[in-house]
Amino acid sequence: MDHAEALLIGGRAGVGKTTVGWEVSARLRAAEVAHAVIDGDFMAQVHPAPDGDPHRAAIGEANLTAVWGNYAALGYRRLVYTNTVSVLDETAGQFWRAMGADVRIVRVLLTASDETAAARLNGREIGGELERELANSGRKARLLDDRAPVDTIRVVTDGRSVEDIAEDVLAAIGWVNRP
């Protein structure tokens, strides 16, 4: 494989991006498919950097470039990347710059109802962030629904197991040979 491939898993808070990303990785490991995993939500965690601050995007891209460079130097060509807005067109540039202009990008948008996302966030948030996460989750769901490119594969997560969702994602990327 000469070119890099990136699976971008996006979606609102509480949709299951990280969980699905890890399940996809587990299945790729079981199939002996070489890949790297990056949780993009951690690539730009700096403070102060308010939402919309260009420095947050810049540090995120710099970190992605550095980490991917290390993986690529070891021969990895496939990346599973999870981040809320990773599927949007405006993020594609960072992947082209970090991974090369010929990177194949597959966008998967995980979706969930407000009720499902709220239930998941209520089970996960243990500090003072719940109300902020609930509000941001709804706002990001609308943004992603409106602005995800037409080639984005949408996968509903409501009432489904992580195993079933991962199967849909794996089918979309074609990295595992099926019998």
Protein backbone atom coordinates (compact mmCIF):
# COMPACT_ATOMS: atom_id res chain seq x y z
CA MET A 1 0.00 0.00 0.00
CA ASP A 2 1.60 3.24 -1.18
CA HIS A 3 -0.95 5.74 0.04
CA ALA A 4 -2.48 6.41 3.43
CA GLU A 5 -6.13 5.81 4.34
CA ALA A 6 -8.05 7.56 7.10
CA LEU A 7 -11.31 6.44 8.64
CA LEU A 8 -12.85 9.51 10.26
CA ILE A 9 -15.51 8.70 12.84
CA GLY A 10 -17.47 11.79 13.84
CA GLY A 11 -20.64 12.56 15.73
CA ARG A 12 -22.18 14.39 18.64
CA ALA A 13 -21.11 13.84 22.24
CA GLY A 14 -22.64 10.65 23.57
CA VAL A 15 -22.98 8.96 20.19
CA GLY A 16 -20.24 6.39 20.86
CA LYS A 17 -17.33 7.57 18.68
CA THR A 18 -14.57 6.39 21.01
CA THR A 19 -16.29 3.12 21.84
CA VAL A 20 -16.94 2.34 18.17
CA GLY A 21 -13.39 3.36 17.24
CA TRP A 22 -11.99 0.90 19.77
CA GLU A 23 -14.33 -1.86 18.59
CA VAL A 24 -13.30 -1.24 14.97
CA SER A 25 -9.66 -1.41 16.09
CA ALA A 26 -10.28 -4.68 17.96
CA ARG A 27 -11.80 -6.22 14.85
CA LEU A 28 -8.96 -4.95 12.66
CA ARG A 29 -6.44 -6.44 15.11
CA ALA A 30 -8.30 -9.77 15.01
CA ALA A 31 -8.11 -9.69 11.20
CA GLU A 32 -4.37 -8.80 11.36
CA VAL A 33 -4.95 -5.43 9.61
CA ALA A 34 -2.19 -2.97 10.49
CA HIS A 35 -3.56 0.38 11.62
CA ALA A 36 -3.17 3.20 14.13
CA VAL A 37 -5.83 4.80 16.31
CA ILE A 38 -5.98 8.44 17.36
CA ASP A 39 -8.68 9.99 19.53
CA GLY A 40 -8.71 13.46 18.02
CA ASP A 41 -10.61 14.94 20.94
CA PHE A 42 -7.34 14.86 22.89
CA MET A 43 -5.11 16.33 20.17
CA ALA A 44 -5.97 19.96 20.98
CA GLN A 45 -6.76 19.91 24.69
CA VAL A 46 -5.11 23.10 25.84
CA HIS A 47 -6.28 25.94 28.04
CA PRO A 48 -6.92 28.73 27.48
CA ALA A 49 -8.24 28.10 23.98
CA PRO A 50 -11.91 29.05 23.69
CA ASP A 51 -14.12 27.46 21.03
CA GLY A 52 -13.33 29.00 17.68
CA ASP A 53 -9.81 29.97 18.69
CA PRO A 54 -7.56 29.30 15.68
CA HIS A 55 -4.78 28.19 18.02
CA ARG A 56 -6.82 25.15 19.08
CA ALA A 57 -7.10 23.99 15.46
CA ALA A 58 -3.44 24.76 14.84
CA ILE A 59 -2.17 22.76 17.82
CA GLY A 60 -4.52 19.89 16.93
CA GLU A 61 -3.15 19.75 13.41
CA ALA A 62 0.46 20.04 14.59
CA ASN A 63 -0.09 17.15 16.99
CA LEU A 64 -1.84 15.04 14.34
CA THR A 65 1.04 15.67 11.94
CA ALA A 66 3.64 14.70 14.54
CA VAL A 67 1.85 11.58 15.76
CA TRP A 68 0.96 10.38 12.26
CA GLY A 69 4.55 11.03 11.17
CA ASN A 70 5.74 8.64 13.87
CA TYR A 71 3.23 5.97 12.79
CA ALA A 72 4.06 6.43 9.08
CA ALA A 73 7.79 6.13 9.81
CA LEU A 74 7.03 2.70 11.23
CA GLY A 75 5.15 1.72 8.07
CA TYR A 76 1.52 2.29 9.10
CA ARG A 77 -0.79 3.47 6.32
CA ARG A 78 -4.25 3.18 7.91
CA LEU A 79 -5.65 5.47 10.58
CA VAL A 80 -8.81 5.20 12.65
CA TYR A 81 -9.49 8.75 13.86
CA THR A 82 -12.33 9.76 16.17
CA ASN A 83 -13.37 13.37 16.71
CA THR A 84 -16.69 15.17 16.89
CA VAL A 85 -16.33 17.27 13.72
CA SER A 86 -13.72 15.21 11.87
CA VAL A 87 -16.17 14.42 9.03
CA LEU A 88 -16.65 18.05 7.98
CA ASP A 89 -15.03 19.34 4.78
CA GLU A 90 -13.02 21.98 6.63
CA THR A 91 -11.08 19.28 8.50
CA ALA A 92 -9.93 17.45 5.35
CA GLY A 93 -7.01 19.82 4.85
CA GLN A 94 -5.34 18.77 8.07
CA PHE A 95 -5.41 15.12 6.96
CA TRP A 96 -3.99 15.96 3.53
CA ARG A 97 -1.20 17.97 5.13
CA ALA A 98 -0.50 15.38 7.83
CA MET A 99 -0.90 12.19 5.75
CA GLY A 100 -0.25 13.28 2.16
CA ALA A 101 -2.37 14.70 -0.65
CA ASP A 102 -3.31 11.22 -1.89
CA VAL A 103 -4.80 10.05 1.43
CA ARG A 104 -8.08 8.18 0.96
CA ILE A 105 -10.57 9.59 3.45
CA VAL A 106 -13.71 7.70 4.48
CA ARG A 107 -16.11 9.73 6.62
CA VAL A 108 -18.54 7.99 8.98
CA LEU A 109 -21.01 10.08 10.96
CA LEU A 110 -22.49 8.26 13.92
CA THR A 111 -25.95 9.55 14.83
CA ALA A 112 -28.15 9.25 17.90
CA SER A 113 -31.37 10.82 19.10
CA ASP A 114 -31.31 13.49 21.80
CA GLU A 115 -32.70 10.92 24.23
CA THR A 116 -30.03 8.33 23.47
CA ALA A 117 -27.19 10.86 23.67
CA ALA A 118 -28.56 12.26 26.95
CA ALA A 119 -28.82 8.79 28.49
CA ARG A 120 -25.25 7.96 27.49
CA LEU A 121 -23.90 11.29 28.72
CA ASN A 122 -25.76 10.92 32.02
CA GLY A 123 -24.02 7.57 32.49
CA ARG A 124 -20.60 8.91 31.60
CA GLU A 125 -20.25 12.44 32.97
CA ILE A 126 -19.38 12.35 36.66
CA GLY A 127 -18.20 15.91 37.20
CA GLY A 128 -19.64 19.33 36.56
CA GLU A 129 -19.63 19.04 32.77
CA LEU A 130 -22.98 17.30 32.16
CA GLU A 131 -25.13 20.36 31.37
CA ARG A 132 -22.47 21.82 29.07
CA GLU A 133 -22.00 18.46 27.32
CA LEU A 134 -25.75 18.04 26.80
CA ALA A 135 -26.09 21.52 25.28
CA ASN A 136 -23.01 21.13 23.09
CA SER A 137 -24.09 17.66 21.96
CA GLY A 138 -27.39 18.96 20.60
CA ARG A 139 -25.71 21.92 18.91
CA LYS A 140 -23.07 19.70 17.30
CA ALA A 141 -25.70 17.17 16.14
CA ARG A 142 -27.50 19.92 14.21
CA LEU A 143 -24.24 21.29 12.79
CA LEU A 144 -23.10 17.84 11.65
CA ASP A 145 -26.49 17.01 10.17
CA ASP A 146 -26.47 20.25 8.17
CA ARG A 147 -22.84 20.31 7.06
CA ALA A 148 -21.58 16.74 6.68
CA PRO A 149 -20.53 16.20 3.04
CA VAL A 150 -22.82 14.12 0.84
CA ASP A 151 -20.29 11.26 0.67
CA THR A 152 -20.41 10.86 4.47
CA ILE A 153 -21.73 7.47 5.56
CA ARG A 154 -24.31 7.90 8.32
CA VAL A 155 -24.67 5.13 10.87
CA VAL A 156 -27.51 5.21 13.39
CA THR A 157 -26.49 4.06 16.88
CA ASP A 158 -29.83 4.19 18.73
CA GLY A 159 -30.75 0.81 20.22
CA ARG A 160 -27.83 -0.99 18.58
CA SER A 161 -24.86 -2.85 19.99
CA VAL A 162 -21.35 -1.55 19.47
CA GLU A 163 -20.57 -4.77 17.61
CA ASP A 164 -23.33 -4.12 15.04
CA ILE A 165 -22.28 -0.51 14.60
CA ALA A 166 -18.63 -1.52 14.11
CA GLU A 167 -19.72 -4.02 11.44
CA ASP A 168 -21.38 -1.19 9.50
CA VAL A 169 -18.24 0.94 9.80
CA LEU A 170 -15.98 -1.93 8.70
CA ALA A 171 -18.20 -2.56 5.69
CA ALA A 172 -17.83 1.10 4.73
CA ILE A 173 -14.03 1.10 4.73
CA GLY A 174 -13.37 -2.30 3.17
CA TRP A 175 -10.20 -2.98 5.15
CA VAL A 176 -11.25 -6.47 6.16
CA ASN A 177 -11.85 -9.23 3.64
CA ARG A 178 -15.26 -10.78 4.05
CA PRO A 179 -16.01 -14.42 3.18
